Amino acid sequence: MKKCKTVTEDVILAYLAQKSETVKSSTLWSMYSMLKSTILVKKNVNIATFPKVIAFLKRKNVGYKAKKSEVFSSEQINKFIRKADNETYLMLKVILIKYYD
């Protein structure tokens, strides 16, 4: 945001620290990975060798619990197939029957 001309450990650290205020630690790791690839290609600087950045990301990750997606049970799927309106959900029902049989 400050139009830095060089890529240094402090610049990357400041960027990730600013982003950490609004995003989760898993997103920070994704952003770091994208930055690492982009900067290596465009500027030929390997930010994977910046120990303060890695330490910062690890500190932010302490205590983070990934949110698991809920999964429908077989009973819920069967109930949907039996009771859902065919005019609205026919294609979805066909896909479910094909996939779960």
N, C-alpha and C. Protein backbone atom coordinates (compact mmCIF):
# COMPACT_ATOMS: atom_id res chain seq x y z
N MET A 1 0.81 -1.19 0.00
CA MET A 1 0.00 0.00 0.00
C MET A 1 0.86 1.26 0.00
N LYS A 2 2.08 1.14 0.51
CA LYS A 2 2.98 2.29 0.58
C LYS A 2 3.89 2.36 -0.64
N LYS A 3 3.63 1.53 -1.65
CA LYS A 3 4.40 1.53 -2.90
C LYS A 3 5.88 1.26 -2.66
N CYS A 4 6.19 0.21 -1.90
CA CYS A 4 7.57 -0.16 -1.62
C CYS A 4 8.23 -0.66 -2.90
N LYS A 5 9.47 -0.29 -3.08
CA LYS A 5 10.20 -0.67 -4.28
C LYS A 5 10.96 -1.98 -4.10
N THR A 6 11.36 -2.28 -2.88
CA THR A 6 12.11 -3.50 -2.62
C THR A 6 11.32 -4.43 -1.71
N VAL A 7 11.61 -5.71 -1.85
CA VAL A 7 10.94 -6.72 -1.03
C VAL A 7 11.90 -7.10 0.09
N THR A 8 11.51 -6.72 1.31
CA THR A 8 12.31 -7.08 2.47
C THR A 8 11.44 -7.84 3.47
N GLU A 9 12.10 -8.41 4.44
CA GLU A 9 11.39 -9.16 5.47
C GLU A 9 10.42 -8.26 6.23
N ASP A 10 10.85 -7.03 6.53
CA ASP A 10 9.99 -6.11 7.26
C ASP A 10 8.76 -5.70 6.46
N VAL A 11 8.91 -5.55 5.15
CA VAL A 11 7.78 -5.18 4.29
C VAL A 11 6.75 -6.30 4.27
N ILE A 12 7.20 -7.53 4.10
CA ILE A 12 6.29 -8.68 4.07
C ILE A 12 5.62 -8.84 5.43
N LEU A 13 6.39 -8.67 6.49
CA LEU A 13 5.87 -8.79 7.85
C LEU A 13 4.80 -7.72 8.11
N ALA A 14 5.05 -6.51 7.69
CA ALA A 14 4.08 -5.43 7.90
C ALA A 14 2.80 -5.70 7.10
N TYR A 15 2.94 -6.19 5.88
CA TYR A 15 1.78 -6.50 5.05
C TYR A 15 0.92 -7.59 5.70
N LEU A 16 1.57 -8.67 6.14
CA LEU A 16 0.82 -9.77 6.75
C LEU A 16 0.23 -9.36 8.10
N ALA A 17 0.93 -8.52 8.84
CA ALA A 17 0.40 -8.05 10.13
C ALA A 17 -0.87 -7.22 9.90
N GLN A 18 -0.85 -6.40 8.87
CA GLN A 18 -2.03 -5.60 8.55
C GLN A 18 -3.19 -6.50 8.13
N LYS A 19 -2.91 -7.49 7.31
CA LYS A 19 -3.95 -8.40 6.86
C LYS A 19 -4.48 -9.28 7.99
N SER A 20 -3.64 -9.57 8.98
CA SER A 20 -4.04 -10.46 10.08
C SER A 20 -5.15 -9.86 10.93
N GLU A 21 -5.37 -8.56 10.82
CA GLU A 21 -6.43 -7.92 11.58
C GLU A 21 -7.81 -8.25 11.02
N THR A 22 -7.87 -8.65 9.74
CA THR A 22 -9.16 -8.89 9.11
C THR A 22 -9.38 -10.31 8.60
N VAL A 23 -8.33 -11.13 8.55
CA VAL A 23 -8.49 -12.49 8.02
C VAL A 23 -8.00 -13.52 9.02
N LYS A 24 -8.43 -14.76 8.84
CA LYS A 24 -8.04 -15.86 9.72
C LYS A 24 -6.63 -16.33 9.37
N SER A 25 -6.04 -17.10 10.28
CA SER A 25 -4.66 -17.55 10.09
C SER A 25 -4.52 -18.46 8.87
N SER A 26 -5.54 -19.25 8.57
CA SER A 26 -5.46 -20.12 7.40
C SER A 26 -5.39 -19.28 6.12
N THR A 27 -6.10 -18.17 6.11
CA THR A 27 -6.06 -17.26 4.96
C THR A 27 -4.71 -16.58 4.87
N LEU A 28 -4.11 -16.26 6.00
CA LEU A 28 -2.77 -15.67 6.00
C LEU A 28 -1.76 -16.62 5.36
N TRP A 29 -1.86 -17.90 5.70
CA TRP A 29 -0.94 -18.88 5.10
C TRP A 29 -1.15 -18.95 3.59
N SER A 30 -2.39 -18.88 3.14
CA SER A 30 -2.66 -18.90 1.71
C SER A 30 -2.09 -17.66 1.03
N MET A 31 -2.27 -16.52 1.66
CA MET A 31 -1.74 -15.27 1.11
C MET A 31 -0.22 -15.32 1.04
N TYR A 32 0.39 -15.85 2.09
CA TYR A 32 1.85 -15.99 2.12
C TYR A 32 2.32 -16.88 0.97
N SER A 33 1.63 -17.97 0.76
CA SER A 33 2.01 -18.89 -0.31
C SER A 33 1.91 -18.21 -1.68
N MET A 34 0.83 -17.47 -1.90
CA MET A 34 0.67 -16.74 -3.17
C MET A 34 1.74 -15.67 -3.33
N LEU A 35 2.02 -14.94 -2.25
CA LEU A 35 3.07 -13.92 -2.29
C LEU A 35 4.42 -14.55 -2.61
N LYS A 36 4.70 -15.67 -1.95
CA LYS A 36 5.98 -16.34 -2.14
C LYS A 36 6.20 -16.70 -3.60
N SER A 37 5.18 -17.28 -4.22
CA SER A 37 5.30 -17.66 -5.63
C SER A 37 5.42 -16.45 -6.54
N THR A 38 4.59 -15.46 -6.31
CA THR A 38 4.58 -14.28 -7.17
C THR A 38 5.88 -13.50 -7.06
N ILE A 39 6.36 -13.29 -5.84
CA ILE A 39 7.59 -12.52 -5.64
C ILE A 39 8.79 -13.27 -6.19
N LEU A 40 8.79 -14.58 -6.05
CA LEU A 40 9.90 -15.36 -6.59
C LEU A 40 9.98 -15.23 -8.11
N VAL A 41 8.83 -15.25 -8.77
CA VAL A 41 8.80 -15.13 -10.24
C VAL A 41 9.11 -13.70 -10.68
N LYS A 42 8.47 -12.72 -10.06
CA LYS A 42 8.58 -11.33 -10.53
C LYS A 42 9.85 -10.63 -10.07
N LYS A 43 10.26 -10.87 -8.81
CA LYS A 43 11.40 -10.13 -8.24
C LYS A 43 12.62 -11.01 -7.97
N ASN A 44 12.46 -12.32 -8.15
CA ASN A 44 13.53 -13.29 -7.88
C ASN A 44 14.02 -13.20 -6.43
N VAL A 45 13.07 -13.04 -5.50
CA VAL A 45 13.37 -13.01 -4.07
C VAL A 45 12.60 -14.14 -3.41
N ASN A 46 13.30 -14.98 -2.69
CA ASN A 46 12.67 -16.11 -2.02
C ASN A 46 12.31 -15.72 -0.59
N ILE A 47 11.04 -15.40 -0.36
CA ILE A 47 10.62 -14.96 0.98
C ILE A 47 10.49 -16.14 1.95
N ALA A 48 10.67 -17.35 1.46
CA ALA A 48 10.64 -18.52 2.35
C ALA A 48 11.85 -18.51 3.28
N THR A 49 12.85 -17.70 2.96
CA THR A 49 14.05 -17.62 3.80
C THR A 49 13.94 -16.52 4.86
N PHE A 50 12.75 -15.92 5.01
CA PHE A 50 12.53 -14.86 5.99
C PHE A 50 12.02 -15.48 7.29
N PRO A 51 12.88 -15.70 8.29
CA PRO A 51 12.46 -16.40 9.51
C PRO A 51 11.41 -15.65 10.34
N LYS A 52 11.45 -14.32 10.36
CA LYS A 52 10.47 -13.57 11.15
C LYS A 52 9.06 -13.75 10.60
N VAL A 53 8.95 -13.86 9.29
CA VAL A 53 7.64 -14.03 8.65
C VAL A 53 7.04 -15.38 9.03
N ILE A 54 7.85 -16.42 8.93
CA ILE A 54 7.39 -17.77 9.29
C ILE A 54 7.00 -17.82 10.77
N ALA A 55 7.82 -17.22 11.63
CA ALA A 55 7.52 -17.19 13.07
C ALA A 55 6.21 -16.44 13.33
N PHE A 56 5.99 -15.34 12.63
CA PHE A 56 4.76 -14.57 12.78
C PHE A 56 3.55 -15.41 12.40
N LEU A 57 3.63 -16.10 11.27
CA LEU A 57 2.52 -16.94 10.82
C LEU A 57 2.24 -18.07 11.80
N LYS A 58 3.29 -18.66 12.34
CA LYS A 58 3.11 -19.74 13.32
C LYS A 58 2.46 -19.22 14.60
N ARG A 59 2.86 -18.03 15.05
CA ARG A 59 2.25 -17.43 16.25
C ARG A 59 0.77 -17.16 16.03
N LYS A 60 0.43 -16.67 14.85
CA LYS A 60 -0.97 -16.39 14.55
C LYS A 60 -1.80 -17.67 14.47
N ASN A 61 -1.15 -18.78 14.18
CA ASN A 61 -1.85 -20.05 14.00
C ASN A 61 -2.11 -20.77 15.32
N VAL A 62 -1.48 -20.33 16.40
CA VAL A 62 -1.63 -20.99 17.70
C VAL A 62 -3.08 -20.86 18.15
N GLY A 63 -3.67 -22.00 18.49
CA GLY A 63 -5.04 -22.02 18.99
C GLY A 63 -6.11 -21.96 17.93
N TYR A 64 -5.71 -21.88 16.67
CA TYR A 64 -6.71 -21.81 15.60
C TYR A 64 -7.30 -23.18 15.35
N LYS A 65 -8.62 -23.27 15.31
CA LYS A 65 -9.32 -24.52 15.01
C LYS A 65 -10.02 -24.35 13.67
N ALA A 66 -9.71 -25.23 12.75
CA ALA A 66 -10.36 -25.18 11.44
C ALA A 66 -11.83 -25.53 11.58
N LYS A 67 -12.66 -24.84 10.85
CA LYS A 67 -14.10 -25.08 10.90
C LYS A 67 -14.44 -26.21 9.94
N LYS A 68 -15.04 -27.24 10.45
CA LYS A 68 -15.41 -28.39 9.63
C LYS A 68 -16.78 -28.17 9.01
N SER A 69 -16.92 -28.57 7.77
CA SER A 69 -18.21 -28.47 7.10
C SER A 69 -19.12 -29.58 7.59
N GLU A 70 -20.38 -29.26 7.68
CA GLU A 70 -21.35 -30.27 8.07
C GLU A 70 -21.66 -31.15 6.87
N VAL A 71 -21.95 -32.42 7.15
CA VAL A 71 -22.24 -33.39 6.10
C VAL A 71 -23.63 -33.96 6.35
N PHE A 72 -24.41 -34.10 5.30
CA PHE A 72 -25.74 -34.68 5.43
C PHE A 72 -25.62 -36.18 5.70
N SER A 73 -26.51 -36.66 6.56
CA SER A 73 -26.54 -38.10 6.83
C SER A 73 -27.34 -38.79 5.73
N SER A 74 -27.20 -40.10 5.64
CA SER A 74 -27.96 -40.87 4.65
C SER A 74 -29.46 -40.70 4.86
N GLU A 75 -29.86 -40.62 6.12
CA GLU A 75 -31.28 -40.44 6.44
C GLU A 75 -31.79 -39.09 5.92
N GLN A 76 -31.00 -38.05 6.09
CA GLN A 76 -31.40 -36.72 5.60
C GLN A 76 -31.50 -36.69 4.08
N ILE A 77 -30.58 -37.36 3.41
CA ILE A 77 -30.60 -37.41 1.94
C ILE A 77 -31.83 -38.18 1.46
N ASN A 78 -32.10 -39.31 2.08
CA ASN A 78 -33.28 -40.09 1.70
C ASN A 78 -34.57 -39.31 1.94
N LYS A 79 -34.65 -38.59 3.04
CA LYS A 79 -35.83 -37.78 3.34
C LYS A 79 -36.01 -36.69 2.27
N PHE A 80 -34.90 -36.06 1.86
CA PHE A 80 -34.97 -35.04 0.82
C PHE A 80 -35.46 -35.64 -0.50
N ILE A 81 -34.92 -36.79 -0.87
CA ILE A 81 -35.32 -37.44 -2.13
C ILE A 81 -36.80 -37.78 -2.12
N ARG A 82 -37.32 -38.26 -0.99
CA ARG A 82 -38.73 -38.63 -0.89
C ARG A 82 -39.67 -37.43 -0.85
N LYS A 83 -39.29 -36.36 -0.15
CA LYS A 83 -40.26 -35.31 0.15
C LYS A 83 -40.09 -34.02 -0.66
N ALA A 84 -38.94 -33.78 -1.26
CA ALA A 84 -38.73 -32.52 -1.98
C ALA A 84 -39.54 -32.48 -3.27
N ASP A 85 -39.98 -31.30 -3.65
CA ASP A 85 -40.78 -31.08 -4.84
C ASP A 85 -39.98 -31.42 -6.10
N ASN A 86 -40.55 -32.27 -6.96
CA ASN A 86 -39.86 -32.68 -8.19
C ASN A 86 -39.69 -31.54 -9.18
N GLU A 87 -40.65 -30.65 -9.24
CA GLU A 87 -40.55 -29.55 -10.20
C GLU A 87 -39.35 -28.64 -9.91
N THR A 88 -39.03 -28.49 -8.67
CA THR A 88 -37.92 -27.61 -8.29
C THR A 88 -36.61 -28.36 -8.15
N TYR A 89 -36.65 -29.58 -7.60
CA TYR A 89 -35.42 -30.27 -7.22
C TYR A 89 -35.14 -31.56 -7.99
N LEU A 90 -35.80 -31.78 -9.11
CA LEU A 90 -35.64 -33.05 -9.82
C LEU A 90 -34.19 -33.32 -10.21
N MET A 91 -33.52 -32.32 -10.78
CA MET A 91 -32.12 -32.52 -11.21
C MET A 91 -31.23 -32.85 -10.02
N LEU A 92 -31.40 -32.15 -8.91
CA LEU A 92 -30.61 -32.43 -7.72
C LEU A 92 -30.90 -33.82 -7.19
N LYS A 93 -32.15 -34.24 -7.23
CA LYS A 93 -32.51 -35.59 -6.78
C LYS A 93 -31.84 -36.65 -7.65
N VAL A 94 -31.85 -36.44 -8.97
CA VAL A 94 -31.22 -37.39 -9.89
C VAL A 94 -29.72 -37.49 -9.59
N ILE A 95 -29.08 -36.36 -9.37
CA ILE A 95 -27.65 -36.36 -9.06
C ILE A 95 -27.39 -37.09 -7.75
N LEU A 96 -28.20 -36.84 -6.74
CA LEU A 96 -28.03 -37.52 -5.46
C LEU A 96 -28.20 -39.03 -5.59
N ILE A 97 -29.23 -39.44 -6.32
CA ILE A 97 -29.47 -40.87 -6.50
C ILE A 97 -28.31 -41.52 -7.24
N LYS A 98 -27.84 -40.86 -8.28
CA LYS A 98 -26.72 -41.39 -9.08
C LYS A 98 -25.44 -41.46 -8.25
N TYR A 99 -25.20 -40.42 -7.46
CA TYR A 99 -23.95 -40.33 -6.70
C TYR A 99 -23.94 -41.27 -5.49
N TYR A 100 -25.06 -41.40 -4.80
CA TYR A 100 -25.07 -42.17 -3.55
C TYR A 100 -25.51 -43.61 -3.71
N ASP A 101 -25.90 -44.02 -4.89
CA ASP A 101 -26.25 -45.44 -5.08
C ASP A 101 -25.07 -46.28 -5.46
